[in-house]
């Protein structure tokens, strides 16, 4: 018999803070960037939670403002983040999205 609170899906993987241009101009011409949260596994967890599934995301983030932002974002989207560790010695990862003529690159 399955517990009513048991997770249906557990996603594992890194999620980072993402700095995204506010328009379609490349990074070299930007003066303002939006702060978002991104990672394939957490994106999947959020999508499944939005469809009504019980989903957990397990990973590690830094014990820093960006790590807290990642956790708050995923928690706010209905993902269980109780299995995420906060690391006082390592920062949360950051990546940049760059829009160009051939599509979006990440750095």
C-alpha atoms as a PDB file:
ATOM      1  CA  UNK A   1       0.000   0.000   0.000  1.00  0.00           C
ATOM      2  CA  UNK A   2       1.334   3.409  -0.981  1.00  0.00           C
ATOM      3  CA  UNK A   3       1.402   6.322   1.435  1.00  0.00           C
ATOM      4  CA  UNK A   4      -0.739   9.246   0.409  1.00  0.00           C
ATOM      5  CA  UNK A   5       2.294  11.528   0.794  1.00  0.00           C
ATOM      6  CA  UNK A   6       4.764   9.339  -1.108  1.00  0.00           C
ATOM      7  CA  UNK A   7       6.490  10.987  -4.049  1.00  0.00           C
ATOM      8  CA  UNK A   8       5.555   9.736  -7.499  1.00  0.00           C
ATOM      9  CA  UNK A   9       8.721  11.147  -9.059  1.00  0.00           C
ATOM     10  CA  UNK A  10      12.100  12.166  -7.661  1.00  0.00           C
ATOM     11  CA  UNK A  11      14.313  14.333  -9.875  1.00  0.00           C
ATOM     12  CA  UNK A  12      18.064  14.621  -9.243  1.00  0.00           C
ATOM     13  CA  UNK A  13      20.391  17.225 -10.680  1.00  0.00           C
ATOM     14  CA  UNK A  14      21.882  20.695 -10.534  1.00  0.00           C
ATOM     15  CA  UNK A  15      19.763  23.808 -10.726  1.00  0.00           C
ATOM     16  CA  UNK A  16      21.336  27.224 -10.986  1.00  0.00           C
ATOM     17  CA  UNK A  17      20.524  30.882 -10.965  1.00  0.00           C
ATOM     18  CA  UNK A  18      20.148  32.063 -14.573  1.00  0.00           C
ATOM     19  CA  UNK A  19      20.783  35.589 -15.779  1.00  0.00           C
ATOM     20  CA  UNK A  20      18.633  36.236 -18.843  1.00  0.00           C
ATOM     21  CA  UNK A  21      18.498  39.265 -21.174  1.00  0.00           C
ATOM     22  CA  UNK A  22      15.234  41.168 -20.905  1.00  0.00           C
ATOM     23  CA  UNK A  23      14.954  41.329 -24.714  1.00  0.00           C
ATOM     24  CA  UNK A  24      16.385  39.588 -27.792  1.00  0.00           C
ATOM     25  CA  UNK A  25      19.639  41.558 -27.863  1.00  0.00           C
ATOM     26  CA  UNK A  26      22.899  39.675 -27.148  1.00  0.00           C
ATOM     27  CA  UNK A  27      24.593  39.919 -23.748  1.00  0.00           C
ATOM     28  CA  UNK A  28      27.250  42.300 -24.996  1.00  0.00           C
ATOM     29  CA  UNK A  29      24.550  44.950 -25.547  1.00  0.00           C
ATOM     30  CA  UNK A  30      22.598  44.380 -22.331  1.00  0.00           C
ATOM     31  CA  UNK A  31      22.397  46.734 -19.383  1.00  0.00           C
ATOM     32  CA  UNK A  32      19.731  44.791 -17.464  1.00  0.00           C
ATOM     33  CA  UNK A  33      19.399  41.051 -16.869  1.00  0.00           C
ATOM     34  CA  UNK A  34      16.542  39.110 -15.232  1.00  0.00           C
ATOM     35  CA  UNK A  35      17.312  36.606 -12.490  1.00  0.00           C
ATOM     36  CA  UNK A  36      15.582  33.261 -13.028  1.00  0.00           C
ATOM     37  CA  UNK A  37      16.025  29.659 -11.930  1.00  0.00           C
ATOM     38  CA  UNK A  38      16.887  26.871 -14.349  1.00  0.00           C
ATOM     39  CA  UNK A  39      17.976  23.286 -14.661  1.00  0.00           C
ATOM     40  CA  UNK A  40      16.581  20.408 -16.707  1.00  0.00           C
ATOM     41  CA  UNK A  41      15.725  18.222 -13.727  1.00  0.00           C
ATOM     42  CA  UNK A  42      14.049  20.960 -11.720  1.00  0.00           C
ATOM     43  CA  UNK A  43      12.223  22.167 -14.848  1.00  0.00           C
ATOM     44  CA  UNK A  44      10.850  18.642 -15.219  1.00  0.00           C
ATOM     45  CA  UNK A  45       9.896  18.560 -11.540  1.00  0.00           C
ATOM     46  CA  UNK A  46       8.031  21.868 -11.882  1.00  0.00           C
ATOM     47  CA  UNK A  47       6.205  20.681 -14.993  1.00  0.00           C
ATOM     48  CA  UNK A  48       5.104  17.454 -13.328  1.00  0.00           C
ATOM     49  CA  UNK A  49       4.022  19.315 -10.179  1.00  0.00           C
ATOM     50  CA  UNK A  50       1.954  21.678 -12.346  1.00  0.00           C
ATOM     51  CA  UNK A  51       0.208  18.597 -13.765  1.00  0.00           C
ATOM     52  CA  UNK A  52      -0.717  17.498 -10.247  1.00  0.00           C
ATOM     53  CA  UNK A  53       1.992  14.905  -9.533  1.00  0.00           C
ATOM     54  CA  UNK A  54       3.782  14.574  -6.195  1.00  0.00           C
ATOM     55  CA  UNK A  55       7.359  15.442  -7.102  1.00  0.00           C
ATOM     56  CA  UNK A  56      10.567  15.933  -5.159  1.00  0.00           C
ATOM     57  CA  UNK A  57      13.807  17.463  -6.346  1.00  0.00           C
ATOM     58  CA  UNK A  58      17.022  16.312  -4.635  1.00  0.00           C
ATOM     59  CA  UNK A  59      20.258  18.227  -5.028  1.00  0.00           C
ATOM     60  CA  UNK A  60      22.577  20.653  -3.283  1.00  0.00           C
ATOM     61  CA  UNK A  61      22.652  24.441  -3.421  1.00  0.00           C
ATOM     62  CA  UNK A  62      24.879  26.968  -1.729  1.00  0.00           C
ATOM     63  CA  UNK A  63      23.848  28.427   1.598  1.00  0.00           C
ATOM     64  CA  UNK A  64      23.552  31.820  -0.060  1.00  0.00           C
ATOM     65  CA  UNK A  65      20.911  34.173  -1.489  1.00  0.00           C
ATOM     66  CA  UNK A  66      20.831  32.394  -4.856  1.00  0.00           C
ATOM     67  CA  UNK A  67      20.408  28.993  -3.222  1.00  0.00           C
ATOM     68  CA  UNK A  68      17.530  30.360  -1.174  1.00  0.00           C
ATOM     69  CA  UNK A  69      16.020  31.787  -4.368  1.00  0.00           C
ATOM     70  CA  UNK A  70      16.225  28.366  -6.084  1.00  0.00           C
ATOM     71  CA  UNK A  71      14.553  26.651  -3.129  1.00  0.00           C
ATOM     72  CA  UNK A  72      11.812  29.273  -2.811  1.00  0.00           C
ATOM     73  CA  UNK A  73      11.094  29.154  -6.537  1.00  0.00           C
ATOM     74  CA  UNK A  74      10.751  25.375  -6.678  1.00  0.00           C
ATOM     75  CA  UNK A  75       8.807  25.196  -3.420  1.00  0.00           C
ATOM     76  CA  UNK A  76       6.468  27.875  -4.774  1.00  0.00           C
ATOM     77  CA  UNK A  77       5.839  25.715  -7.845  1.00  0.00           C
ATOM     78  CA  UNK A  78       4.780  22.755  -5.713  1.00  0.00           C
ATOM     79  CA  UNK A  79       8.031  20.778  -5.720  1.00  0.00           C
ATOM     80  CA  UNK A  80       9.113  19.089  -2.483  1.00  0.00           C
ATOM     81  CA  UNK A  81      12.641  20.319  -1.702  1.00  0.00           C
ATOM     82  CA  UNK A  82      13.120  18.681   1.708  1.00  0.00           C
ATOM     83  CA  UNK A  83      15.860  16.465   0.248  1.00  0.00           C
ATOM     84  CA  UNK A  84      17.984  19.412  -0.902  1.00  0.00           C
ATOM     85  CA  UNK A  85      21.135  20.105   1.095  1.00  0.00           C
ATOM     86  CA  UNK A  86      22.489  23.606   1.557  1.00  0.00           C
ATOM     87  CA  UNK A  87      26.275  23.746   1.425  1.00  0.00           C
ATOM     88  CA  UNK A  88      27.959  26.487   3.448  1.00  0.00           C
ATOM     89  CA  UNK A  89      31.257  25.980   1.593  1.00  0.00           C
ATOM     90  CA  UNK A  90      30.159  25.987  -2.062  1.00  0.00           C
ATOM     91  CA  UNK A  91      28.160  28.675  -3.859  1.00  0.00           C
ATOM     92  CA  UNK A  92      25.068  28.096  -5.939  1.00  0.00           C
ATOM     93  CA  UNK A  93      25.921  27.901  -9.636  1.00  0.00           C
ATOM     94  CA  UNK A  94      25.130  30.737 -12.039  1.00  0.00           C
ATOM     95  CA  UNK A  95      24.826  30.727 -15.788  1.00  0.00           C
ATOM     96  CA  UNK A  96      24.044  33.318 -18.437  1.00  0.00           C
ATOM     97  CA  UNK A  97      21.752  33.016 -21.444  1.00  0.00           C
ATOM     98  CA  UNK A  98      22.849  34.835 -24.568  1.00  0.00           C
ATOM     99  CA  UNK A  99      20.541  35.485 -27.485  1.00  0.00           C
ATOM    100  CA  UNK A 100      22.201  35.498 -30.872  1.00  0.00           C
ATOM    101  CA  UNK A 101      21.406  35.024 -34.565  1.00  0.00           C
ATOM    102  CA  UNK A 102      21.714  31.228 -34.296  1.00  0.00           C
ATOM    103  CA  UNK A 103      19.634  30.870 -31.126  1.00  0.00           C
ATOM    104  CA  UNK A 104      20.292  30.947 -27.402  1.00  0.00           C
ATOM    105  CA  UNK A 105      23.626  29.963 -25.933  1.00  0.00           C
ATOM    106  CA  UNK A 106      24.490  29.397 -22.289  1.00  0.00           C
ATOM    107  CA  UNK A 107      27.696  30.227 -20.461  1.00  0.00           C
END
